[in-house]
Amino acid sequence: MRWIDSHCHLTSADLSSQTEAIIERAAAAGVTDYVTVATDEADAARALALSEKFESVHVAAGVHPHEAGKITDGWRERLAEFAGRPDVYAVGEMGLDYHYDFAPPRQQRSVFERQLELAAELSKPVIIHCREAHADTMAVLSDARPTSPVVFHCFTGTLAEAEEIIAAGFWISLTGVVTFKKSDELREVARRIPADRMMVETDSPYLSPEPVRSRRPNEPAHVVHTGRCIAAARGETEADFAARMTENTIRFFGLPQRTETAG
């Protein structure tokens, strides 16, 4: 079986010092590729350097809502230089986060809107971060009318919210949270997402899934546990589900076709 971790942060402090070992463990688990998602300009530079070293590492670049209050003049132009590269496969993660007070909502929204404009100019997929801000996030997307694929990464919302996202034509990606004992509604979401509109991810170094929830940090090898849980919830074989998720991730991001193991 082959898996792709559709969203991780290999440049994070918890993972960057052990990248080679992480990739070796992931390869042993059947994870061949990773989309590492940069959260600001400096992180984008680190992610690109990593992708030049490892063919299995693919980059997305954006300004996370937590970083929206730290932008400086010319940030959009500098982000465009990163995101416009052919080896950057999506813009994001971008969006709104009302759980933490790291940036004022108005500033988050402005940065979000300008990144959506950039993604439209570049015709690149969009990765959405949405936490406790579903209505406002959907409103911004409704105004922007993106024509490229849009994924709500690390979805942990309600079934009603998931249905609204799917009805709008967007995608949903699930993390290890779906494996938690109290995540019955999220497993119901996993059952109901159309098979061609979903992906799996670790969001590592965060959110380790069962049965490795106590291990810190999370890492790409653990995406297999999330995939196994969702496959069981949907009544699918693990092999069939893994193949479908791999196909979906390649299609969403336009990743290069690779048959070899990670490295």
C-alpha atoms as a PDB file:
ATOM      1  CA  MET A   1       0.000   0.000   0.000  1.00  0.00           C
ATOM      2  CA  ARG A   2       1.042   3.548  -0.693  1.00  0.00           C
ATOM      3  CA  TRP A   3       0.069   6.588   1.387  1.00  0.00           C
ATOM      4  CA  ILE A   4       0.712  10.304   0.997  1.00  0.00           C
ATOM      5  CA  ASP A   5       0.671  12.660   3.981  1.00  0.00           C
ATOM      6  CA  SER A   6      -1.265  15.533   2.425  1.00  0.00           C
ATOM      7  CA  HIS A   7      -0.408  18.068   5.148  1.00  0.00           C
ATOM      8  CA  CYS A   8       2.532  18.152   7.537  1.00  0.00           C
ATOM      9  CA  HIS A   9       5.097  20.621   8.837  1.00  0.00           C
ATOM     10  CA  LEU A  10       8.488  18.997   8.321  1.00  0.00           C
ATOM     11  CA  THR A  11      10.238  22.332   8.927  1.00  0.00           C
ATOM     12  CA  SER A  12       8.804  22.662  12.431  1.00  0.00           C
ATOM     13  CA  ALA A  13      11.251  22.703  15.325  1.00  0.00           C
ATOM     14  CA  ASP A  14       9.976  19.307  16.488  1.00  0.00           C
ATOM     15  CA  LEU A  15      10.731  17.573  13.181  1.00  0.00           C
ATOM     16  CA  SER A  16      13.407  19.479  11.279  1.00  0.00           C
ATOM     17  CA  SER A  17      16.336  18.020  13.226  1.00  0.00           C
ATOM     18  CA  GLN A  18      15.424  14.439  12.316  1.00  0.00           C
ATOM     19  CA  THR A  19      14.082  14.666   8.773  1.00  0.00           C
ATOM     20  CA  GLU A  20      16.041  11.726   7.367  1.00  0.00           C
ATOM     21  CA  ALA A  21      14.947   9.399  10.179  1.00  0.00           C
ATOM     22  CA  ILE A  22      11.338  10.581   9.834  1.00  0.00           C
ATOM     23  CA  ILE A  23      11.361   9.846   6.107  1.00  0.00           C
ATOM     24  CA  GLU A  24      12.907   6.424   6.701  1.00  0.00           C
ATOM     25  CA  ARG A  25      10.199   5.531   9.233  1.00  0.00           C
ATOM     26  CA  ALA A  26       7.496   6.828   6.923  1.00  0.00           C
ATOM     27  CA  ALA A  27       8.832   4.809   3.985  1.00  0.00           C
ATOM     28  CA  ALA A  28       8.804   1.681   6.149  1.00  0.00           C
ATOM     29  CA  ALA A  29       5.111   2.370   6.848  1.00  0.00           C
ATOM     30  CA  GLY A  30       4.310   2.843   3.160  1.00  0.00           C
ATOM     31  CA  VAL A  31       4.215   6.651   3.137  1.00  0.00           C
ATOM     32  CA  THR A  32       6.046   7.743  -0.011  1.00  0.00           C
ATOM     33  CA  ASP A  33       5.341  11.477  -0.285  1.00  0.00           C
ATOM     34  CA  TYR A  34       4.588  14.487   1.903  1.00  0.00           C
ATOM     35  CA  VAL A  35       3.129  17.927   1.369  1.00  0.00           C
ATOM     36  CA  THR A  36       4.962  20.147   3.834  1.00  0.00           C
ATOM     37  CA  VAL A  37       3.041  23.351   4.408  1.00  0.00           C
ATOM     38  CA  ALA A  38       4.877  26.609   5.084  1.00  0.00           C
ATOM     39  CA  THR A  39       3.212  29.120   7.383  1.00  0.00           C
ATOM     40  CA  ASP A  40       5.155  32.275   6.491  1.00  0.00           C
ATOM     41  CA  GLU A  41       7.896  33.550   4.184  1.00  0.00           C
ATOM     42  CA  ALA A  42      10.841  32.246   6.172  1.00  0.00           C
ATOM     43  CA  ASP A  43       9.182  28.865   6.532  1.00  0.00           C
ATOM     44  CA  ALA A  44       8.612  28.728   2.770  1.00  0.00           C
ATOM     45  CA  ALA A  45      12.337  29.138   2.174  1.00  0.00           C
ATOM     46  CA  ARG A  46      13.086  26.294   4.595  1.00  0.00           C
ATOM     47  CA  ALA A  47      10.457  24.068   2.985  1.00  0.00           C
ATOM     48  CA  LEU A  48      11.856  24.638  -0.490  1.00  0.00           C
ATOM     49  CA  ALA A  49      15.368  23.829   0.691  1.00  0.00           C
ATOM     50  CA  LEU A  50      14.014  20.574   2.117  1.00  0.00           C
ATOM     51  CA  SER A  51      12.211  19.699  -1.118  1.00  0.00           C
ATOM     52  CA  GLU A  52      15.429  20.203  -3.060  1.00  0.00           C
ATOM     53  CA  LYS A  53      17.069  17.604  -0.847  1.00  0.00           C
ATOM     54  CA  PHE A  54      14.227  15.073  -0.839  1.00  0.00           C
ATOM     55  CA  GLU A  55      12.247  14.296  -3.991  1.00  0.00           C
ATOM     56  CA  SER A  56       9.380  12.988  -1.846  1.00  0.00           C
ATOM     57  CA  VAL A  57       8.813  16.372  -0.155  1.00  0.00           C
ATOM     58  CA  HIS A  58       6.406  18.755  -1.883  1.00  0.00           C
ATOM     59  CA  VAL A  59       5.740  22.336  -0.792  1.00  0.00           C
ATOM     60  CA  ALA A  60       2.745  24.573  -0.186  1.00  0.00           C
ATOM     61  CA  ALA A  61       3.367  28.185   0.831  1.00  0.00           C
ATOM     62  CA  GLY A  62       1.154  30.693   2.566  1.00  0.00           C
ATOM     63  CA  VAL A  63       0.614  32.901   5.594  1.00  0.00           C
ATOM     64  CA  HIS A  64      -1.101  31.094   8.461  1.00  0.00           C
ATOM     65  CA  PRO A  65      -3.745  33.163  10.296  1.00  0.00           C
ATOM     66  CA  HIS A  66      -1.545  33.021  13.406  1.00  0.00           C
ATOM     67  CA  GLU A  67       1.103  34.899  11.419  1.00  0.00           C
ATOM     68  CA  ALA A  68      -1.262  37.454   9.877  1.00  0.00           C
ATOM     69  CA  GLY A  69      -0.398  40.100  12.461  1.00  0.00           C
ATOM     70  CA  LYS A  70       3.321  39.857  11.692  1.00  0.00           C
ATOM     71  CA  ILE A  71       3.298  40.669   7.979  1.00  0.00           C
ATOM     72  CA  THR A  72       5.425  43.536   6.676  1.00  0.00           C
ATOM     73  CA  ASP A  73       5.187  45.714   3.578  1.00  0.00           C
ATOM     74  CA  GLY A  74       5.576  43.756   0.379  1.00  0.00           C
ATOM     75  CA  TRP A  75       4.591  40.416   1.931  1.00  0.00           C
ATOM     76  CA  ARG A  76       2.167  39.526  -0.862  1.00  0.00           C
ATOM     77  CA  GLU A  77       4.764  40.135  -3.574  1.00  0.00           C
ATOM     78  CA  ARG A  78       7.324  38.039  -1.720  1.00  0.00           C
ATOM     79  CA  LEU A  79       4.795  35.249  -1.182  1.00  0.00           C
ATOM     80  CA  ALA A  80       3.962  35.393  -4.891  1.00  0.00           C
ATOM     81  CA  GLU A  81       7.620  34.704  -5.693  1.00  0.00           C
ATOM     82  CA  PHE A  82       7.474  31.527  -3.632  1.00  0.00           C
ATOM     83  CA  ALA A  83       3.979  30.413  -4.613  1.00  0.00           C
ATOM     84  CA  GLY A  84       4.569  31.095  -8.298  1.00  0.00           C
ATOM     85  CA  ARG A  85       7.334  28.495  -8.500  1.00  0.00           C
ATOM     86  CA  PRO A  86       6.433  25.275 -10.330  1.00  0.00           C
ATOM     87  CA  ASP A  87       7.648  23.240  -7.340  1.00  0.00           C
ATOM     88  CA  VAL A  88       5.133  24.915  -4.995  1.00  0.00           C
ATOM     89  CA  TYR A  89       1.855  23.073  -5.367  1.00  0.00           C
ATOM     90  CA  ALA A  90      -0.657  25.144  -3.393  1.00  0.00           C
ATOM     91  CA  VAL A  91      -1.196  28.440  -1.615  1.00  0.00           C
ATOM     92  CA  GLY A  92      -1.805  28.126   2.118  1.00  0.00           C
ATOM     93  CA  GLU A  93      -2.423  27.326   4.690  1.00  0.00           C
ATOM     94  CA  MET A  94      -4.572  30.413   4.960  1.00  0.00           C
ATOM     95  CA  GLY A  95      -7.815  31.252   6.710  1.00  0.00           C
ATOM     96  CA  LEU A  96      -9.249  32.278  10.048  1.00  0.00           C
ATOM     97  CA  ASP A  97      -8.570  31.124  13.607  1.00  0.00           C
ATOM     98  CA  TYR A  98     -10.744  32.563  16.378  1.00  0.00           C
ATOM     99  CA  HIS A  99      -9.566  30.099  19.023  1.00  0.00           C
ATOM    100  CA  TYR A 100      -6.336  31.945  19.707  1.00  0.00           C
ATOM    101  CA  ASP A 101      -5.794  35.694  19.823  1.00  0.00           C
ATOM    102  CA  PHE A 102      -2.592  35.728  17.795  1.00  0.00           C
ATOM    103  CA  ALA A 103      -3.900  38.217  15.203  1.00  0.00           C
ATOM    104  CA  PRO A 104      -6.990  40.452  15.076  1.00  0.00           C
ATOM    105  CA  PRO A 105      -9.853  38.918  13.054  1.00  0.00           C
ATOM    106  CA  ARG A 106      -9.897  41.883  10.660  1.00  0.00           C
ATOM    107  CA  GLN A 107      -6.196  41.430   9.917  1.00  0.00           C
ATOM    108  CA  GLN A 108      -6.638  37.687   9.468  1.00  0.00           C
ATOM    109  CA  ARG A 109      -9.460  38.282   7.012  1.00  0.00           C
ATOM    110  CA  SER A 110      -7.484  40.797   4.964  1.00  0.00           C
ATOM    111  CA  VAL A 111      -4.497  38.448   4.650  1.00  0.00           C
ATOM    112  CA  PHE A 112      -6.830  35.564   3.831  1.00  0.00           C
ATOM    113  CA  GLU A 113      -8.578  37.515   1.070  1.00  0.00           C
ATOM    114  CA  ARG A 114      -5.336  38.622  -0.535  1.00  0.00           C
ATOM    115  CA  GLN A 115      -3.997  35.070  -0.571  1.00  0.00           C
ATOM    116  CA  LEU A 116      -7.168  33.869  -2.258  1.00  0.00           C
ATOM    117  CA  GLU A 117      -6.583  36.523  -4.909  1.00  0.00           C
ATOM    118  CA  LEU A 118      -3.016  35.271  -5.331  1.00  0.00           C
ATOM    119  CA  ALA A 119      -4.115  31.651  -5.648  1.00  0.00           C
ATOM    120  CA  ALA A 120      -6.594  32.697  -8.342  1.00  0.00           C
ATOM    121  CA  GLU A 121      -3.894  34.577 -10.234  1.00  0.00           C
ATOM    122  CA  LEU A 122      -1.608  31.540 -10.092  1.00  0.00           C
ATOM    123  CA  SER A 123      -4.383  28.965 -10.663  1.00  0.00           C
ATOM    124  CA  LYS A 124      -3.156  26.965  -7.684  1.00  0.00           C
ATOM    125  CA  PRO A 125      -5.084  24.948  -5.090  1.00  0.00           C
ATOM    126  CA  VAL A 126      -5.975  26.499  -1.743  1.00  0.00           C
ATOM    127  CA  ILE A 127      -5.381  25.039   1.727  1.00  0.00           C
ATOM    128  CA  ILE A 128      -7.770  26.401   4.361  1.00  0.00           C
ATOM    129  CA  HIS A 129      -7.161  26.658   8.098  1.00  0.00           C
ATOM    130  CA  CYS A 130     -10.458  27.197   9.890  1.00  0.00           C
ATOM    131  CA  ARG A 131     -10.872  27.039  13.649  1.00  0.00           C
ATOM    132  CA  GLU A 132     -14.008  28.294  15.353  1.00  0.00           C
ATOM    133  CA  ALA A 133     -14.620  30.522  12.329  1.00  0.00           C
ATOM    134  CA  HIS A 134     -16.731  28.426   9.971  1.00  0.00           C
ATOM    135  CA  ALA A 135     -19.350  31.026   9.022  1.00  0.00           C
ATOM    136  CA  ASP A 136     -16.809  33.777   8.348  1.00  0.00           C
ATOM    137  CA  THR A 137     -14.515  31.440   6.416  1.00  0.00           C
ATOM    138  CA  MET A 138     -17.360  30.294   4.197  1.00  0.00           C
ATOM    139  CA  ALA A 139     -18.407  33.928   3.657  1.00  0.00           C
ATOM    140  CA  VAL A 140     -14.911  34.910   2.493  1.00  0.00           C
ATOM    141  CA  LEU A 141     -14.797  31.933   0.133  1.00  0.00           C
ATOM    142  CA  SER A 142     -18.257  32.739  -1.190  1.00  0.00           C
ATOM    143  CA  ASP A 143     -17.132  36.265  -2.026  1.00  0.00           C
ATOM    144  CA  ALA A 144     -13.872  35.058  -3.607  1.00  0.00           C
ATOM    145  CA  ARG A 145     -15.465  32.301  -5.709  1.00  0.00           C
ATOM    146  CA  PRO A 146     -12.252  30.292  -6.102  1.00  0.00           C
ATOM    147  CA  THR A 147     -11.975  28.295  -9.303  1.00  0.00           C
ATOM    148  CA  SER A 148      -9.079  26.110  -8.129  1.00  0.00           C
ATOM    149  CA  PRO A 149      -9.624  23.223  -5.692  1.00  0.00           C
ATOM    150  CA  VAL A 150     -10.036  24.189  -2.026  1.00  0.00           C
ATOM    151  CA  VAL A 151      -9.436  21.872   0.939  1.00  0.00           C
ATOM    152  CA  PHE A 152     -10.393  22.425   4.564  1.00  0.00           C
ATOM    153  CA  HIS A 153      -7.408  20.810   6.228  1.00  0.00           C
ATOM    154  CA  CYS A 154      -7.571  19.245   9.694  1.00  0.00           C
ATOM    155  CA  PHE A 155     -11.353  19.342   9.675  1.00  0.00           C
ATOM    156  CA  THR A 156     -12.806  18.872  13.165  1.00  0.00           C
ATOM    157  CA  GLY A 157     -16.173  20.578  12.721  1.00  0.00           C
ATOM    158  CA  THR A 158     -19.733  19.313  12.774  1.00  0.00           C
ATOM    159  CA  LEU A 159     -21.542  17.163  10.258  1.00  0.00           C
ATOM    160  CA  ALA A 160     -23.634  20.172   9.220  1.00  0.00           C
ATOM    161  CA  GLU A 161     -20.474  22.204   8.574  1.00  0.00           C
ATOM    162  CA  ALA A 162     -18.963  19.357   6.565  1.00  0.00           C
ATOM    163  CA  GLU A 163     -22.107  19.109   4.459  1.00  0.00           C
ATOM    164  CA  GLU A 164     -21.937  22.858   3.749  1.00  0.00           C
ATOM    165  CA  ILE A 165     -18.290  22.570   2.708  1.00  0.00           C
ATOM    166  CA  ILE A 166     -19.013  19.664   0.383  1.00  0.00           C
ATOM    167  CA  ALA A 167     -22.100  21.369  -1.076  1.00  0.00           C
ATOM    168  CA  ALA A 168     -19.892  24.364  -1.940  1.00  0.00           C
ATOM    169  CA  GLY A 169     -17.633  22.085  -3.989  1.00  0.00           C
ATOM    170  CA  PHE A 170     -14.708  22.043  -1.551  1.00  0.00           C
ATOM    171  CA  TRP A 171     -12.660  19.176  -0.140  1.00  0.00           C
ATOM    172  CA  ILE A 172     -12.101  17.935   3.421  1.00  0.00           C
ATOM    173  CA  SER A 173      -8.909  16.472   4.899  1.00  0.00           C
ATOM    174  CA  LEU A 174      -8.912  14.539   8.164  1.00  0.00           C
ATOM    175  CA  THR A 175      -6.218  14.083  10.803  1.00  0.00           C
ATOM    176  CA  GLY A 176      -5.646  11.754  13.713  1.00  0.00           C
ATOM    177  CA  VAL A 177      -8.457  13.474  15.612  1.00  0.00           C
ATOM    178  CA  VAL A 178     -10.844  11.139  13.759  1.00  0.00           C
ATOM    179  CA  THR A 179      -9.300   8.208  15.670  1.00  0.00           C
ATOM    180  CA  PHE A 180      -9.980   9.633  19.138  1.00  0.00           C
ATOM    181  CA  LYS A 181     -12.515   7.742  21.247  1.00  0.00           C
ATOM    182  CA  LYS A 182     -14.869  10.724  21.541  1.00  0.00           C
ATOM    183  CA  SER A 183     -14.793  11.583  17.826  1.00  0.00           C
ATOM    184  CA  ASP A 184     -17.984   9.737  16.862  1.00  0.00           C
ATOM    185  CA  GLU A 185     -19.397  12.683  14.899  1.00  0.00           C
ATOM    186  CA  LEU A 186     -16.123  13.129  13.026  1.00  0.00           C
ATOM    187  CA  ARG A 187     -16.159   9.460  12.046  1.00  0.00           C
ATOM    188  CA  GLU A 188     -19.685  10.030  10.745  1.00  0.00           C
ATOM    189  CA  VAL A 189     -18.285  12.931   8.717  1.00  0.00           C
ATOM    190  CA  ALA A 190     -15.631  10.545   7.380  1.00  0.00           C
ATOM    191  CA  ARG A 191     -18.344   8.114   6.326  1.00  0.00           C
ATOM    192  CA  ARG A 192     -20.253  10.796   4.433  1.00  0.00           C
ATOM    193  CA  ILE A 193     -17.523  12.672   2.563  1.00  0.00           C
ATOM    194  CA  PRO A 194     -17.672  11.784  -1.149  1.00  0.00           C
ATOM    195  CA  ALA A 195     -14.828   9.447  -1.988  1.00  0.00           C
ATOM    196  CA  ASP A 196     -13.397  11.845  -4.572  1.00  0.00           C
ATOM    197  CA  ARG A 197     -13.376  14.856  -2.231  1.00  0.00           C
ATOM    198  CA  MET A 198     -11.281  13.776   0.738  1.00  0.00           C
ATOM    199  CA  MET A 199      -7.671  13.396   1.841  1.00  0.00           C
ATOM    200  CA  VAL A 200      -5.812  12.232   4.946  1.00  0.00           C
ATOM    201  CA  GLU A 201      -3.026  14.004   6.770  1.00  0.00           C
ATOM    202  CA  THR A 202      -1.065  14.101   9.993  1.00  0.00           C
ATOM    203  CA  ASP A 203      -0.697  17.868  10.473  1.00  0.00           C
ATOM    204  CA  SER A 204       2.465  16.684  12.229  1.00  0.00           C
ATOM    205  CA  PRO A 205       4.061  17.475  14.588  1.00  0.00           C
ATOM    206  CA  TYR A 206       0.563  17.844  16.068  1.00  0.00           C
ATOM    207  CA  LEU A 207      -2.386  15.503  16.719  1.00  0.00           C
ATOM    208  CA  SER A 208      -0.888  12.038  16.996  1.00  0.00           C
ATOM    209  CA  PRO A 209      -3.611   9.448  16.261  1.00  0.00           C
ATOM    210  CA  GLU A 210      -4.629   6.401  18.225  1.00  0.00           C
ATOM    211  CA  PRO A 211      -2.919   4.029  18.947  1.00  0.00           C
ATOM    212  CA  VAL A 212       0.175   6.284  19.140  1.00  0.00           C
ATOM    213  CA  ARG A 213      -1.588   9.289  20.649  1.00  0.00           C
ATOM    214  CA  SER A 214       0.810   9.459  23.582  1.00  0.00           C
ATOM    215  CA  ARG A 215       3.821   9.814  21.281  1.00  0.00           C
ATOM    216  CA  ARG A 216       5.161  13.293  20.663  1.00  0.00           C
ATOM    217  CA  PRO A 217       5.784  14.639  18.166  1.00  0.00           C
ATOM    218  CA  ASN A 218       3.454  13.228  15.541  1.00  0.00           C
ATOM    219  CA  GLU A 219       5.093  12.336  12.213  1.00  0.00           C
ATOM    220  CA  PRO A 220       4.082  11.301   8.674  1.00  0.00           C
ATOM    221  CA  ALA A 221       4.405   7.545   9.308  1.00  0.00           C
ATOM    222  CA  HIS A 222       1.364   7.817  11.560  1.00  0.00           C
ATOM    223  CA  VAL A 223      -0.981   8.795   8.708  1.00  0.00           C
ATOM    224  CA  VAL A 224      -1.539   5.066   8.190  1.00  0.00           C
ATOM    225  CA  HIS A 225      -3.387   4.870  11.530  1.00  0.00           C
ATOM    226  CA  THR A 226      -5.736   7.666  10.491  1.00  0.00           C
ATOM    227  CA  GLY A 227      -6.300   6.053   7.106  1.00  0.00           C
ATOM    228  CA  ARG A 228      -6.973   2.663   8.678  1.00  0.00           C
ATOM    229  CA  CYS A 229      -9.571   4.171  11.026  1.00  0.00           C
ATOM    230  CA  ILE A 230     -11.401   5.989   8.222  1.00  0.00           C
ATOM    231  CA  ALA A 231     -11.346   2.946   5.962  1.00  0.00           C
ATOM    232  CA  ALA A 232     -12.988   0.899   8.724  1.00  0.00           C
ATOM    233  CA  ALA A 233     -15.593   3.604   9.326  1.00  0.00           C
ATOM    234  CA  ARG A 234     -16.441   3.641   5.616  1.00  0.00           C
ATOM    235  CA  GLY A 235     -16.493  -0.132   5.280  1.00  0.00           C
ATOM    236  CA  GLU A 236     -13.621  -0.130   2.791  1.00  0.00           C
ATOM    237  CA  THR A 237     -10.482  -2.229   2.705  1.00  0.00           C
ATOM    238  CA  GLU A 238      -7.361  -0.436   3.823  1.00  0.00           C
ATOM    239  CA  ALA A 239      -5.676  -1.127   0.481  1.00  0.00           C
ATOM    240  CA  ASP A 240      -8.535   0.308  -1.566  1.00  0.00           C
ATOM    241  CA  PHE A 241      -8.805   3.360   0.660  1.00  0.00           C
ATOM    242  CA  ALA A 242      -5.052   3.997   0.573  1.00  0.00           C
ATOM    243  CA  ALA A 243      -5.061   3.824  -3.225  1.00  0.00           C
ATOM    244  CA  ARG A 244      -7.975   6.236  -3.450  1.00  0.00           C
ATOM    245  CA  MET A 245      -6.421   8.738  -1.027  1.00  0.00           C
ATOM    246  CA  THR A 246      -3.123   8.622  -2.913  1.00  0.00           C
ATOM    247  CA  GLU A 247      -4.907   9.236  -6.206  1.00  0.00           C
ATOM    248  CA  ASN A 248      -6.945  12.079  -4.669  1.00  0.00           C
ATOM    249  CA  THR A 249      -3.901  13.822  -3.216  1.00  0.00           C
ATOM    250  CA  ILE A 250      -1.950  13.635  -6.470  1.00  0.00           C
ATOM    251  CA  ARG A 251      -4.972  15.001  -8.326  1.00  0.00           C
ATOM    252  CA  PHE A 252      -5.734  17.803  -5.876  1.00  0.00           C
ATOM    253  CA  PHE A 253      -2.210  19.188  -5.787  1.00  0.00           C
ATOM    254  CA  GLY A 254      -1.075  18.148  -9.251  1.00  0.00           C
ATOM    255  CA  LEU A 255       1.849  16.275  -7.718  1.00  0.00           C
ATOM    256  CA  PRO A 256       4.378  14.532  -9.948  1.00  0.00           C
ATOM    257  CA  GLN A 257       3.685  10.842 -10.453  1.00  0.00           C
ATOM    258  CA  ARG A 258       6.177   8.758  -8.484  1.00  0.00           C
ATOM    259  CA  THR A 259       6.363   4.997  -8.129  1.00  0.00           C
ATOM    260  CA  GLU A 260       9.499   4.688  -6.061  1.00  0.00           C
ATOM    261  CA  THR A 261       9.657   4.763  -2.283  1.00  0.00           C
ATOM    262  CA  ALA A 262      10.249   7.975  -0.381  1.00  0.00           C
ATOM    263  CA  GLY A 263      13.628   9.629  -0.326  1.00  0.00           C
END
